[in-house]
């Protein structure tokens, strides 16, 4: 049985390779994460109690709200659960 080719160029055969092979992803470069450092920065602000909703809004107290802000600022969308 032949192995599935690495279509994304990340060195591993992943679900992204399979989806790209099926035509779900467009042909082209590798699938990359946008800005994981931004998520870490925002979550660190939340942990220290300095994360605000908006520029001068109230301090965020909900962890779920902090995650939503982090993913929004990083340009990623939240993954849907089952």
C-alpha atoms as a PDB file:
ATOM      1  CA  UNK A   1       0.000   0.000   0.000  1.00  0.00           C
ATOM      2  CA  UNK A   2       1.429   3.394  -0.978  1.00  0.00           C
ATOM      3  CA  UNK A   3       1.766   6.149   1.606  1.00  0.00           C
ATOM      4  CA  UNK A   4      -0.224   9.343   1.231  1.00  0.00           C
ATOM      5  CA  UNK A   5       1.944  12.241  -0.030  1.00  0.00           C
ATOM      6  CA  UNK A   6       2.805  15.266   2.106  1.00  0.00           C
ATOM      7  CA  UNK A   7       0.880  17.934   0.173  1.00  0.00           C
ATOM      8  CA  UNK A   8       1.216  20.804   2.665  1.00  0.00           C
ATOM      9  CA  UNK A   9       4.997  20.600   2.905  1.00  0.00           C
ATOM     10  CA  UNK A  10       5.139  20.477   6.706  1.00  0.00           C
ATOM     11  CA  UNK A  11       7.061  17.188   6.828  1.00  0.00           C
ATOM     12  CA  UNK A  12       4.165  15.131   8.184  1.00  0.00           C
ATOM     13  CA  UNK A  13       1.116  13.510   6.665  1.00  0.00           C
ATOM     14  CA  UNK A  14      -1.816  15.085   8.479  1.00  0.00           C
ATOM     15  CA  UNK A  15      -5.534  15.624   8.062  1.00  0.00           C
ATOM     16  CA  UNK A  16      -4.712  18.819   6.152  1.00  0.00           C
ATOM     17  CA  UNK A  17      -2.882  16.718   3.532  1.00  0.00           C
ATOM     18  CA  UNK A  18      -5.901  14.464   3.103  1.00  0.00           C
ATOM     19  CA  UNK A  19      -8.258  17.439   2.783  1.00  0.00           C
ATOM     20  CA  UNK A  20      -5.938  19.110   0.320  1.00  0.00           C
ATOM     21  CA  UNK A  21      -5.784  15.893  -1.712  1.00  0.00           C
ATOM     22  CA  UNK A  22      -9.569  15.733  -1.822  1.00  0.00           C
ATOM     23  CA  UNK A  23      -9.746  19.315  -3.090  1.00  0.00           C
ATOM     24  CA  UNK A  24     -11.155  20.866   0.105  1.00  0.00           C
ATOM     25  CA  UNK A  25      -8.081  23.120   0.359  1.00  0.00           C
ATOM     26  CA  UNK A  26      -6.874  24.929  -2.732  1.00  0.00           C
ATOM     27  CA  UNK A  27      -3.666  23.835  -4.380  1.00  0.00           C
ATOM     28  CA  UNK A  28      -0.645  25.866  -3.343  1.00  0.00           C
ATOM     29  CA  UNK A  29       1.535  26.512  -0.323  1.00  0.00           C
ATOM     30  CA  UNK A  30       1.548  25.006   3.108  1.00  0.00           C
ATOM     31  CA  UNK A  31      -1.296  25.439   5.581  1.00  0.00           C
ATOM     32  CA  UNK A  32       0.069  27.681   8.339  1.00  0.00           C
ATOM     33  CA  UNK A  33      -1.070  28.991  11.691  1.00  0.00           C
ATOM     34  CA  UNK A  34      -1.600  32.725  11.546  1.00  0.00           C
ATOM     35  CA  UNK A  35      -0.386  34.216  14.819  1.00  0.00           C
ATOM     36  CA  UNK A  36      -0.079  31.823  17.765  1.00  0.00           C
ATOM     37  CA  UNK A  37       2.070  34.361  19.660  1.00  0.00           C
ATOM     38  CA  UNK A  38      -0.851  36.803  19.752  1.00  0.00           C
ATOM     39  CA  UNK A  39      -3.056  34.231  21.496  1.00  0.00           C
ATOM     40  CA  UNK A  40      -0.388  33.649  24.146  1.00  0.00           C
ATOM     41  CA  UNK A  41      -0.029  37.401  24.745  1.00  0.00           C
ATOM     42  CA  UNK A  42      -3.771  37.941  25.187  1.00  0.00           C
ATOM     43  CA  UNK A  43      -4.155  34.943  27.513  1.00  0.00           C
ATOM     44  CA  UNK A  44      -1.222  36.209  29.596  1.00  0.00           C
ATOM     45  CA  UNK A  45      -3.019  39.582  29.908  1.00  0.00           C
ATOM     46  CA  UNK A  46      -6.176  37.762  31.026  1.00  0.00           C
ATOM     47  CA  UNK A  47      -4.290  35.762  33.644  1.00  0.00           C
ATOM     48  CA  UNK A  48      -2.741  38.909  35.098  1.00  0.00           C
ATOM     49  CA  UNK A  49      -6.144  40.661  35.131  1.00  0.00           C
ATOM     50  CA  UNK A  50      -5.249  43.344  32.570  1.00  0.00           C
ATOM     51  CA  UNK A  51      -7.346  42.199  29.587  1.00  0.00           C
ATOM     52  CA  UNK A  52     -10.138  44.618  28.699  1.00  0.00           C
ATOM     53  CA  UNK A  53     -13.036  44.116  26.312  1.00  0.00           C
ATOM     54  CA  UNK A  54     -12.331  46.927  23.888  1.00  0.00           C
ATOM     55  CA  UNK A  55      -9.828  49.708  24.381  1.00  0.00           C
ATOM     56  CA  UNK A  56     -11.186  51.052  27.666  1.00  0.00           C
ATOM     57  CA  UNK A  57     -13.946  48.567  28.385  1.00  0.00           C
ATOM     58  CA  UNK A  58     -14.423  46.555  31.563  1.00  0.00           C
ATOM     59  CA  UNK A  59     -11.876  43.939  32.629  1.00  0.00           C
ATOM     60  CA  UNK A  60     -12.624  40.491  31.182  1.00  0.00           C
ATOM     61  CA  UNK A  61     -13.453  37.982  33.931  1.00  0.00           C
ATOM     62  CA  UNK A  62     -14.601  35.030  31.811  1.00  0.00           C
ATOM     63  CA  UNK A  63     -12.018  32.608  30.421  1.00  0.00           C
ATOM     64  CA  UNK A  64     -14.288  31.869  27.443  1.00  0.00           C
ATOM     65  CA  UNK A  65     -14.503  35.578  26.615  1.00  0.00           C
ATOM     66  CA  UNK A  66     -10.706  35.856  26.829  1.00  0.00           C
ATOM     67  CA  UNK A  67     -10.299  32.957  24.393  1.00  0.00           C
ATOM     68  CA  UNK A  68     -12.769  34.584  21.994  1.00  0.00           C
ATOM     69  CA  UNK A  69     -10.840  37.873  22.120  1.00  0.00           C
ATOM     70  CA  UNK A  70      -7.511  36.081  21.613  1.00  0.00           C
ATOM     71  CA  UNK A  71      -8.692  34.134  18.568  1.00  0.00           C
ATOM     72  CA  UNK A  72     -10.348  37.212  17.113  1.00  0.00           C
ATOM     73  CA  UNK A  73      -7.186  39.316  17.429  1.00  0.00           C
ATOM     74  CA  UNK A  74      -5.079  36.509  15.946  1.00  0.00           C
ATOM     75  CA  UNK A  75      -7.412  36.215  12.950  1.00  0.00           C
ATOM     76  CA  UNK A  76      -8.336  32.613  13.693  1.00  0.00           C
ATOM     77  CA  UNK A  77     -11.811  31.239  14.177  1.00  0.00           C
ATOM     78  CA  UNK A  78     -12.858  29.086  17.092  1.00  0.00           C
ATOM     79  CA  UNK A  79     -13.054  25.385  16.261  1.00  0.00           C
ATOM     80  CA  UNK A  80     -16.539  23.953  16.574  1.00  0.00           C
ATOM     81  CA  UNK A  81     -17.034  21.067  19.000  1.00  0.00           C
ATOM     82  CA  UNK A  82     -19.185  18.011  18.435  1.00  0.00           C
END
